[in-house]
Each structure stands twice: as structure tokens, then as C-alpha cells.
């Protein structure tokens, strides 16, 4: 079982930056692919970025070049550095964990990001 807790959301002006953090507890973090998803009001949850257990990262086209996902396997943490934020990035951001053996999805409770002037 994996427990995930996000932090770091808030209100930021367009063009600004935020860093989201996700603290993972439970066994097997090193063998878990980690990702970020987001859900805007009235829209379906969408995938943002993934970093695999091997350290490879992939991004949705909408955030490529602006967001960076990273992980710290010693601290059991995952981060999402968000730069050049746009109003359309406004959403609740969710941390996701998917162990490579079970492929079961685990979710955090979400953190609100609002980009507005």
C-alpha cells in the first residue's frame, strides 16, 4: 500500500512558478512509477507528467518545456516544478503512484493551484 500527500499549491500570477511536492509512505517507493494529474472545474482528470522507477520522465504536450517532474528515492518524495504558469493550468493537482509489480493506482488528496492576476 502507498500513501501520498501533496503540498505546495496556492495562488500565483500568470508567468509565475510553483513547486508541488508529494510525500510517499509505504513500501516499494523505488519500484513505483510516479506521476501528476490535474482536474480543472467541469473537466475530466488529465495526465500531466510521469517519472518512472528508472528515472525517465514524460510530459503532456500542454506542459512540456514548462514543467519538470523529479523524484528523491532517499526521501520518498516526488516534485513538480511548474514555471511560466498560465490561467489554464488552474486545477487541483493529484499525485499518483503505480507500483510496477501490481500496476494499482494510488492517489493523494490533491492540492489546488490557481493561476490568476
Protein backbone atom coordinates (compact mmCIF):
# COMPACT_ATOMS: atom_id res chain seq x y z
CA UNK A 1 0.00 0.00 0.00
CA UNK A 2 1.19 3.52 -0.85
CA UNK A 3 0.02 6.69 0.88
CA UNK A 4 0.51 10.00 -0.89
CA UNK A 5 0.26 13.54 0.47
CA UNK A 6 0.59 16.59 -1.79
CA UNK A 7 1.62 20.09 -0.77
CA UNK A 8 2.77 23.32 -2.34
CA UNK A 9 -0.32 24.54 -4.14
CA UNK A 10 -1.55 28.11 -3.99
CA UNK A 11 -2.37 31.27 -5.88
CA UNK A 12 0.17 32.57 -8.38
CA UNK A 13 0.12 35.21 -11.10
CA UNK A 14 0.43 34.27 -14.77
CA UNK A 15 4.06 33.72 -15.64
CA UNK A 16 4.91 32.73 -12.10
CA UNK A 17 6.22 29.49 -10.64
CA UNK A 18 5.21 26.93 -8.06
CA UNK A 19 6.73 23.68 -6.87
CA UNK A 20 4.42 20.89 -5.80
CA UNK A 21 5.64 18.15 -3.50
CA UNK A 22 4.30 14.67 -2.91
CA UNK A 23 5.37 12.67 0.14
CA UNK A 24 5.04 8.92 -0.26
CA UNK A 25 4.89 6.38 2.54
CA UNK A 26 4.63 2.64 2.45
CA UNK A 27 6.85 0.04 0.93
CA UNK A 28 8.39 -0.08 -2.51
CA UNK A 29 8.73 3.57 -3.49
CA UNK A 30 11.79 2.82 -5.59
CA UNK A 31 9.74 0.36 -7.64
CA UNK A 32 6.84 2.74 -8.19
CA UNK A 33 6.21 4.90 -11.23
CA UNK A 34 5.10 8.32 -10.01
CA UNK A 35 3.02 10.91 -11.77
CA UNK A 36 0.99 14.07 -11.57
CA UNK A 37 -2.54 14.56 -12.84
CA UNK A 38 -4.82 17.56 -12.68
CA UNK A 39 -8.53 18.27 -12.79
CA UNK A 40 -9.98 21.64 -13.68
CA UNK A 41 -13.56 22.57 -12.74
CA UNK A 42 -16.04 20.85 -15.02
CA UNK A 43 -13.35 18.81 -16.76
CA UNK A 44 -12.05 15.27 -16.54
CA UNK A 45 -8.85 14.48 -14.72
CA UNK A 46 -5.92 14.67 -17.13
CA UNK A 47 -2.41 13.32 -17.01
CA UNK A 48 0.40 15.89 -16.63
CA UNK A 49 3.70 14.05 -16.19
CA UNK A 50 5.26 10.75 -15.15
CA UNK A 51 8.64 9.75 -13.80
CA UNK A 52 9.31 6.05 -13.92
CA UNK A 53 11.04 3.95 -11.28
CA UNK A 54 14.08 4.06 -13.59
CA UNK A 55 14.04 7.86 -13.62
CA UNK A 56 12.71 8.51 -17.12
CA UNK A 57 10.24 11.37 -17.42
CA UNK A 58 7.50 12.14 -19.92
CA UNK A 59 5.14 15.10 -20.18
CA UNK A 60 1.83 16.10 -21.64
CA UNK A 61 2.24 18.42 -24.61
CA UNK A 62 0.43 21.19 -22.75
CA UNK A 63 3.15 21.42 -20.09
CA UNK A 64 6.27 20.29 -21.98
CA UNK A 65 9.08 22.78 -21.58
CA UNK A 66 7.40 24.49 -18.61
CA UNK A 67 7.01 21.73 -16.01
CA UNK A 68 9.66 19.40 -14.61
CA UNK A 69 8.97 16.25 -12.63
CA UNK A 70 11.62 14.80 -10.34
CA UNK A 71 11.94 12.27 -7.54
CA UNK A 72 14.11 11.68 -4.50
CA UNK A 73 14.28 7.98 -3.69
CA UNK A 74 16.01 8.64 -0.37
CA UNK A 75 13.32 10.98 0.94
CA UNK A 76 10.44 9.18 -0.87
CA UNK A 77 9.41 12.44 -2.49
CA UNK A 78 8.18 13.49 -5.92
CA UNK A 79 8.19 17.07 -7.13
CA UNK A 80 6.58 19.05 -9.91
CA UNK A 81 8.32 22.31 -10.72
CA UNK A 82 5.90 24.49 -12.66
CA UNK A 83 7.22 27.56 -14.48
CA UNK A 84 5.60 30.06 -16.84
CA UNK A 85 2.22 29.25 -15.38
CA UNK A 86 -0.89 30.09 -17.36
CA UNK A 87 -4.50 30.56 -16.24
CA UNK A 88 -5.35 27.29 -17.99
CA UNK A 89 -3.05 25.47 -15.55
CA UNK A 90 -5.56 26.21 -12.81
CA UNK A 91 -6.70 22.89 -11.38
CA UNK A 92 -6.50 20.52 -8.46
CA UNK A 93 -3.24 18.61 -8.87
CA UNK A 94 -3.07 14.99 -7.78
CA UNK A 95 -0.06 12.84 -7.10
CA UNK A 96 -0.27 9.29 -8.46
CA UNK A 97 1.73 6.20 -7.65
CA UNK A 98 1.68 2.97 -9.65
CA UNK A 99 3.91 0.14 -8.41
CA UNK A 100 5.50 -1.61 -11.35
CA UNK A 101 4.56 -5.07 -9.98
CA UNK A 102 0.89 -4.52 -9.14
CA UNK A 103 0.01 -1.65 -11.52
CA UNK A 104 -2.52 -0.48 -8.90
CA UNK A 105 -3.15 3.27 -8.85
CA UNK A 106 -2.75 5.19 -5.60
CA UNK A 107 -3.81 8.81 -5.27
CA UNK A 108 -3.22 11.71 -2.96
CA UNK A 109 -5.95 14.06 -1.79
CA UNK A 110 -4.98 16.83 -4.22
CA UNK A 111 -3.67 20.37 -3.91
CA UNK A 112 -5.25 23.43 -5.50
CA UNK A 113 -3.27 25.54 -7.97
CA UNK A 114 -4.82 28.81 -9.09
CA UNK A 115 -3.18 30.99 -11.73
CA UNK A 116 -4.79 34.39 -11.80
CA UNK A 117 -3.91 38.06 -11.77
